Amino acid sequence: MAKFEYNQHPHATTRHQTHPGAKFKAKQASEGTSLGVNDRIGLGITKRVGTMWAAYVFFALTLVSLPAALSSGNLIVIVSWVAQTFLQLVLLPVIIVGQNIQANEAEKRAIATYDDATAILEEAKQIQKHLESQDAILDKLINDLARVEGHVLGKKPATKNPAAKK
């Protein structure tokens, strides 16, 4: 009788070691020590510029040159002030803040998806154990049925030769 042999996928055995949340935390912990000087400076500036407080400071800074742009009366100077001064200085930190929020949410979704997949894998393992149990019961029933069928078919009919019994 053919029996199904369950073989766990090799990826499933290493999934706990490669959990994205653990990798993310380990990467964050090691970043401070593995970054070069330029990388640390860039990261520090990005962390400080990517805040709403930086956006407020840059907004105040743009107001310094606003009177000169308006007093020129030149439309090109005013448009240039809006595009090159206001939008670039104020939107830069706002965009960084938004990207940081999106990245954090994406990381949470990735970890949740991974945890869901791990839970589904564990459920599939439970189903596999249940099926193995049912296979054992069905094998027993098949063997019992074959034994009973052998007894029934192996008996000689009682009405075949009644004189032979005497």
C-alpha atoms as a PDB file:
ATOM      1  CA  MET A   1       0.000   0.000   0.000  1.00  0.00           C
ATOM      2  CA  ALA A   2       1.464   3.391  -1.008  1.00  0.00           C
ATOM      3  CA  LYS A   3       2.070   5.727   1.912  1.00  0.00           C
ATOM      4  CA  PHE A   4       2.677   9.429   1.640  1.00  0.00           C
ATOM      5  CA  GLU A   5       6.005  10.579   3.084  1.00  0.00           C
ATOM      6  CA  TYR A   6       6.064  14.176   4.267  1.00  0.00           C
ATOM      7  CA  ASN A   7       9.314  16.041   3.644  1.00  0.00           C
ATOM      8  CA  GLN A   8       9.533  19.539   5.043  1.00  0.00           C
ATOM      9  CA  HIS A   9      10.792  22.169   2.640  1.00  0.00           C
ATOM     10  CA  PRO A  10      14.390  23.224   3.503  1.00  0.00           C
ATOM     11  CA  HIS A  11      13.368  26.879   3.671  1.00  0.00           C
ATOM     12  CA  ALA A  12      10.963  26.131   6.513  1.00  0.00           C
ATOM     13  CA  THR A  13      13.768  24.904   8.760  1.00  0.00           C
ATOM     14  CA  THR A  14      15.673  28.189   8.488  1.00  0.00           C
ATOM     15  CA  ARG A  15      12.707  30.564   8.673  1.00  0.00           C
ATOM     16  CA  HIS A  16      13.119  31.358  12.364  1.00  0.00           C
ATOM     17  CA  GLN A  17      16.753  32.312  11.905  1.00  0.00           C
ATOM     18  CA  THR A  18      15.920  34.701   9.071  1.00  0.00           C
ATOM     19  CA  HIS A  19      12.871  36.433  10.553  1.00  0.00           C
ATOM     20  CA  PRO A  20      12.711  39.893   8.919  1.00  0.00           C
ATOM     21  CA  GLY A  21      12.056  41.619  12.234  1.00  0.00           C
ATOM     22  CA  ALA A  22      15.150  40.071  13.792  1.00  0.00           C
ATOM     23  CA  LYS A  23      17.252  40.882  10.727  1.00  0.00           C
ATOM     24  CA  PHE A  24      15.962  44.468  10.719  1.00  0.00           C
ATOM     25  CA  LYS A  25      16.775  44.968  14.408  1.00  0.00           C
ATOM     26  CA  ALA A  26      20.198  43.364  14.022  1.00  0.00           C
ATOM     27  CA  LYS A  27      20.923  45.571  11.028  1.00  0.00           C
ATOM     28  CA  GLN A  28      19.907  48.692  12.961  1.00  0.00           C
ATOM     29  CA  ALA A  29      22.067  47.679  15.911  1.00  0.00           C
ATOM     30  CA  SER A  30      25.096  47.082  13.721  1.00  0.00           C
ATOM     31  CA  GLU A  31      24.703  50.205  11.579  1.00  0.00           C
ATOM     32  CA  GLY A  32      26.249  52.494  14.178  1.00  0.00           C
ATOM     33  CA  THR A  33      29.469  50.483  14.273  1.00  0.00           C
ATOM     34  CA  SER A  34      29.813  49.486  10.621  1.00  0.00           C
ATOM     35  CA  LEU A  35      29.224  52.877   9.003  1.00  0.00           C
ATOM     36  CA  GLY A  36      32.096  55.027   7.867  1.00  0.00           C
ATOM     37  CA  VAL A  37      32.530  58.671   8.850  1.00  0.00           C
ATOM     38  CA  ASN A  38      30.816  60.036   5.736  1.00  0.00           C
ATOM     39  CA  ASP A  39      27.933  57.593   6.133  1.00  0.00           C
ATOM     40  CA  ARG A  40      27.431  58.570   9.779  1.00  0.00           C
ATOM     41  CA  ILE A  41      27.485  62.276   8.869  1.00  0.00           C
ATOM     42  CA  GLY A  42      24.980  61.717   6.060  1.00  0.00           C
ATOM     43  CA  LEU A  43      22.727  59.614   8.264  1.00  0.00           C
ATOM     44  CA  GLY A  44      22.868  62.204  11.055  1.00  0.00           C
ATOM     45  CA  ILE A  45      21.989  65.058   8.694  1.00  0.00           C
ATOM     46  CA  THR A  46      19.164  63.050   7.116  1.00  0.00           C
ATOM     47  CA  LYS A  47      17.716  62.219  10.541  1.00  0.00           C
ATOM     48  CA  ARG A  48      17.769  65.888  11.526  1.00  0.00           C
ATOM     49  CA  VAL A  49      16.544  67.314   8.216  1.00  0.00           C
ATOM     50  CA  GLY A  50      13.810  64.670   7.947  1.00  0.00           C
ATOM     51  CA  THR A  51      11.686  66.172  10.724  1.00  0.00           C
ATOM     52  CA  MET A  52       8.773  68.551  10.793  1.00  0.00           C
ATOM     53  CA  TRP A  53      10.821  70.867  13.018  1.00  0.00           C
ATOM     54  CA  ALA A  54      13.342  71.209  10.190  1.00  0.00           C
ATOM     55  CA  ALA A  55      10.439  72.049   7.855  1.00  0.00           C
ATOM     56  CA  TYR A  56       9.328  74.812  10.230  1.00  0.00           C
ATOM     57  CA  VAL A  57      12.876  76.213  10.463  1.00  0.00           C
ATOM     58  CA  PHE A  58      13.274  76.135   6.674  1.00  0.00           C
ATOM     59  CA  PHE A  59       9.905  77.836   6.278  1.00  0.00           C
ATOM     60  CA  ALA A  60      11.080  80.651   8.562  1.00  0.00           C
ATOM     61  CA  LEU A  61      14.337  80.840   6.596  1.00  0.00           C
ATOM     62  CA  THR A  62      12.468  81.248   3.313  1.00  0.00           C
ATOM     63  CA  LEU A  63      10.533  84.186   4.757  1.00  0.00           C
ATOM     64  CA  VAL A  64      13.829  86.114   5.027  1.00  0.00           C
ATOM     65  CA  SER A  65      14.117  86.426   1.253  1.00  0.00           C
ATOM     66  CA  LEU A  66      10.371  86.768   0.556  1.00  0.00           C
ATOM     67  CA  PRO A  67      10.248  90.591   0.898  1.00  0.00           C
ATOM     68  CA  ALA A  68      13.103  91.033  -1.595  1.00  0.00           C
ATOM     69  CA  ALA A  69      11.382  88.722  -4.088  1.00  0.00           C
ATOM     70  CA  LEU A  70       8.049  90.528  -3.748  1.00  0.00           C
ATOM     71  CA  SER A  71       9.563  94.028  -3.892  1.00  0.00           C
ATOM     72  CA  SER A  72      11.283  93.219  -7.170  1.00  0.00           C
ATOM     73  CA  GLY A  73       7.869  93.088  -8.824  1.00  0.00           C
ATOM     74  CA  ASN A  74       9.328  90.690 -11.369  1.00  0.00           C
ATOM     75  CA  LEU A  75       7.137  87.621 -11.899  1.00  0.00           C
ATOM     76  CA  ILE A  76      10.128  85.463 -12.792  1.00  0.00           C
ATOM     77  CA  VAL A  77      11.874  86.373  -9.505  1.00  0.00           C
ATOM     78  CA  ILE A  78       8.715  85.575  -7.505  1.00  0.00           C
ATOM     79  CA  VAL A  79       8.196  82.234  -9.295  1.00  0.00           C
ATOM     80  CA  SER A  80      11.882  81.480  -8.823  1.00  0.00           C
ATOM     81  CA  TRP A  81      11.602  82.225  -5.098  1.00  0.00           C
ATOM     82  CA  VAL A  82       8.604  79.880  -4.779  1.00  0.00           C
ATOM     83  CA  ALA A  83      10.217  77.072  -6.798  1.00  0.00           C
ATOM     84  CA  GLN A  84      13.847  77.320  -5.706  1.00  0.00           C
ATOM     85  CA  THR A  85      13.549  78.621  -2.178  1.00  0.00           C
ATOM     86  CA  PHE A  86      10.200  77.799  -0.663  1.00  0.00           C
ATOM     87  CA  LEU A  87       9.337  74.462  -2.286  1.00  0.00           C
ATOM     88  CA  GLN A  88      12.823  72.987  -2.145  1.00  0.00           C
ATOM     89  CA  LEU A  89      13.581  73.990   1.418  1.00  0.00           C
ATOM     90  CA  VAL A  90      10.201  73.264   2.954  1.00  0.00           C
ATOM     91  CA  LEU A  91       9.152  70.183   0.976  1.00  0.00           C
ATOM     92  CA  LEU A  92      12.468  68.362   1.401  1.00  0.00           C
ATOM     93  CA  PRO A  93      12.030  67.592   5.124  1.00  0.00           C
ATOM     94  CA  VAL A  94       8.290  66.980   4.702  1.00  0.00           C
ATOM     95  CA  ILE A  95       8.978  64.388   1.983  1.00  0.00           C
ATOM     96  CA  ILE A  96      11.614  62.694   4.155  1.00  0.00           C
ATOM     97  CA  VAL A  97       9.158  62.527   7.065  1.00  0.00           C
ATOM     98  CA  GLY A  98       6.556  60.947   4.768  1.00  0.00           C
ATOM     99  CA  GLN A  99       9.057  58.431   3.400  1.00  0.00           C
ATOM    100  CA  ASN A 100      10.134  57.458   6.914  1.00  0.00           C
ATOM    101  CA  ILE A 101       6.510  56.858   7.902  1.00  0.00           C
ATOM    102  CA  GLN A 102       5.900  54.805   4.762  1.00  0.00           C
ATOM    103  CA  ALA A 103       9.069  52.763   5.322  1.00  0.00           C
ATOM    104  CA  ASN A 104       8.068  51.994   8.915  1.00  0.00           C
ATOM    105  CA  GLU A 105       4.595  50.921   7.833  1.00  0.00           C
ATOM    106  CA  ALA A 106       6.028  48.768   5.039  1.00  0.00           C
ATOM    107  CA  GLU A 107       8.358  47.105   7.549  1.00  0.00           C
ATOM    108  CA  LYS A 108       5.408  46.386   9.861  1.00  0.00           C
ATOM    109  CA  ARG A 109       3.433  44.898   6.953  1.00  0.00           C
ATOM    110  CA  ALA A 110       6.393  42.759   5.883  1.00  0.00           C
ATOM    111  CA  ILE A 111       6.808  41.374   9.389  1.00  0.00           C
ATOM    112  CA  ALA A 112       3.056  40.754   9.705  1.00  0.00           C
ATOM    113  CA  THR A 113       3.020  38.952   6.341  1.00  0.00           C
ATOM    114  CA  TYR A 114       5.977  36.843   7.407  1.00  0.00           C
ATOM    115  CA  ASP A 115       4.297  35.987  10.718  1.00  0.00           C
ATOM    116  CA  ASP A 116       1.082  35.096   8.866  1.00  0.00           C
ATOM    117  CA  ALA A 117       2.999  32.804   6.507  1.00  0.00           C
ATOM    118  CA  THR A 118       4.720  31.160   9.472  1.00  0.00           C
ATOM    119  CA  ALA A 119       1.356  30.610  11.168  1.00  0.00           C
ATOM    120  CA  ILE A 120      -0.040  29.074   7.973  1.00  0.00           C
ATOM    121  CA  LEU A 121       2.973  26.771   7.785  1.00  0.00           C
ATOM    122  CA  GLU A 122       2.367  25.622  11.364  1.00  0.00           C
ATOM    123  CA  GLU A 123      -1.313  25.035  10.544  1.00  0.00           C
ATOM    124  CA  ALA A 124      -0.271  22.984   7.495  1.00  0.00           C
ATOM    125  CA  LYS A 125       1.979  20.886   9.738  1.00  0.00           C
ATOM    126  CA  GLN A 126      -0.986  20.210  12.046  1.00  0.00           C
ATOM    127  CA  ILE A 127      -3.088  19.214   9.030  1.00  0.00           C
ATOM    128  CA  GLN A 128      -0.272  16.885   7.933  1.00  0.00           C
ATOM    129  CA  LYS A 129      -0.258  15.205  11.370  1.00  0.00           C
ATOM    130  CA  HIS A 130      -4.034  14.867  11.230  1.00  0.00           C
ATOM    131  CA  LEU A 131      -3.820  13.280   7.776  1.00  0.00           C
ATOM    132  CA  GLU A 132      -1.148  10.849   8.989  1.00  0.00           C
ATOM    133  CA  SER A 133      -3.462   9.823  11.812  1.00  0.00           C
ATOM    134  CA  GLN A 134      -6.317   9.309   9.363  1.00  0.00           C
ATOM    135  CA  ASP A 135      -4.012   7.328   7.053  1.00  0.00           C
ATOM    136  CA  ALA A 136      -3.203   4.955   9.915  1.00  0.00           C
ATOM    137  CA  ILE A 137      -6.902   4.467  10.710  1.00  0.00           C
ATOM    138  CA  LEU A 138      -7.783   3.946   7.038  1.00  0.00           C
ATOM    139  CA  ASP A 139      -4.938   1.413   6.668  1.00  0.00           C
ATOM    140  CA  LYS A 140      -6.317  -0.516   9.666  1.00  0.00           C
ATOM    141  CA  LEU A 141      -9.850  -0.426   8.235  1.00  0.00           C
ATOM    142  CA  ILE A 142      -8.611  -1.635   4.840  1.00  0.00           C
ATOM    143  CA  ASN A 143      -6.664  -4.483   6.454  1.00  0.00           C
ATOM    144  CA  ASP A 144      -9.649  -5.451   8.631  1.00  0.00           C
ATOM    145  CA  LEU A 145     -11.968  -5.355   5.638  1.00  0.00           C
ATOM    146  CA  ALA A 146      -9.577  -7.517   3.623  1.00  0.00           C
ATOM    147  CA  ARG A 147      -9.372 -10.035   6.490  1.00  0.00           C
ATOM    148  CA  VAL A 148     -13.186 -10.175   6.820  1.00  0.00           C
ATOM    149  CA  GLU A 149     -13.572 -10.420   3.075  1.00  0.00           C
ATOM    150  CA  GLY A 150     -11.075 -13.318   3.064  1.00  0.00           C
ATOM    151  CA  HIS A 151     -13.035 -15.145   5.743  1.00  0.00           C
ATOM    152  CA  VAL A 152     -16.320 -14.605   3.915  1.00  0.00           C
ATOM    153  CA  LEU A 153     -15.013 -15.643   0.522  1.00  0.00           C
ATOM    154  CA  GLY A 154     -12.875 -18.470   1.904  1.00  0.00           C
ATOM    155  CA  LYS A 155     -15.814 -20.364   3.496  1.00  0.00           C
ATOM    156  CA  LYS A 156     -17.514 -23.116   1.567  1.00  0.00           C
ATOM    157  CA  PRO A 157     -21.234 -22.706   1.063  1.00  0.00           C
ATOM    158  CA  ALA A 158     -23.217 -24.863   3.532  1.00  0.00           C
ATOM    159  CA  THR A 159     -25.783 -26.008   0.921  1.00  0.00           C
ATOM    160  CA  LYS A 160     -23.269 -27.294  -1.627  1.00  0.00           C
ATOM    161  CA  ASN A 161     -23.035 -30.947  -0.505  1.00  0.00           C
ATOM    162  CA  PRO A 162     -25.211 -31.784   2.494  1.00  0.00           C
ATOM    163  CA  ALA A 163     -24.487 -35.542   2.241  1.00  0.00           C
ATOM    164  CA  ALA A 164     -20.726 -35.013   2.713  1.00  0.00           C
ATOM    165  CA  LYS A 165     -21.250 -33.829   6.268  1.00  0.00           C
ATOM    166  CA  LYS A 166     -22.925 -37.101   7.352  1.00  0.00           C
END
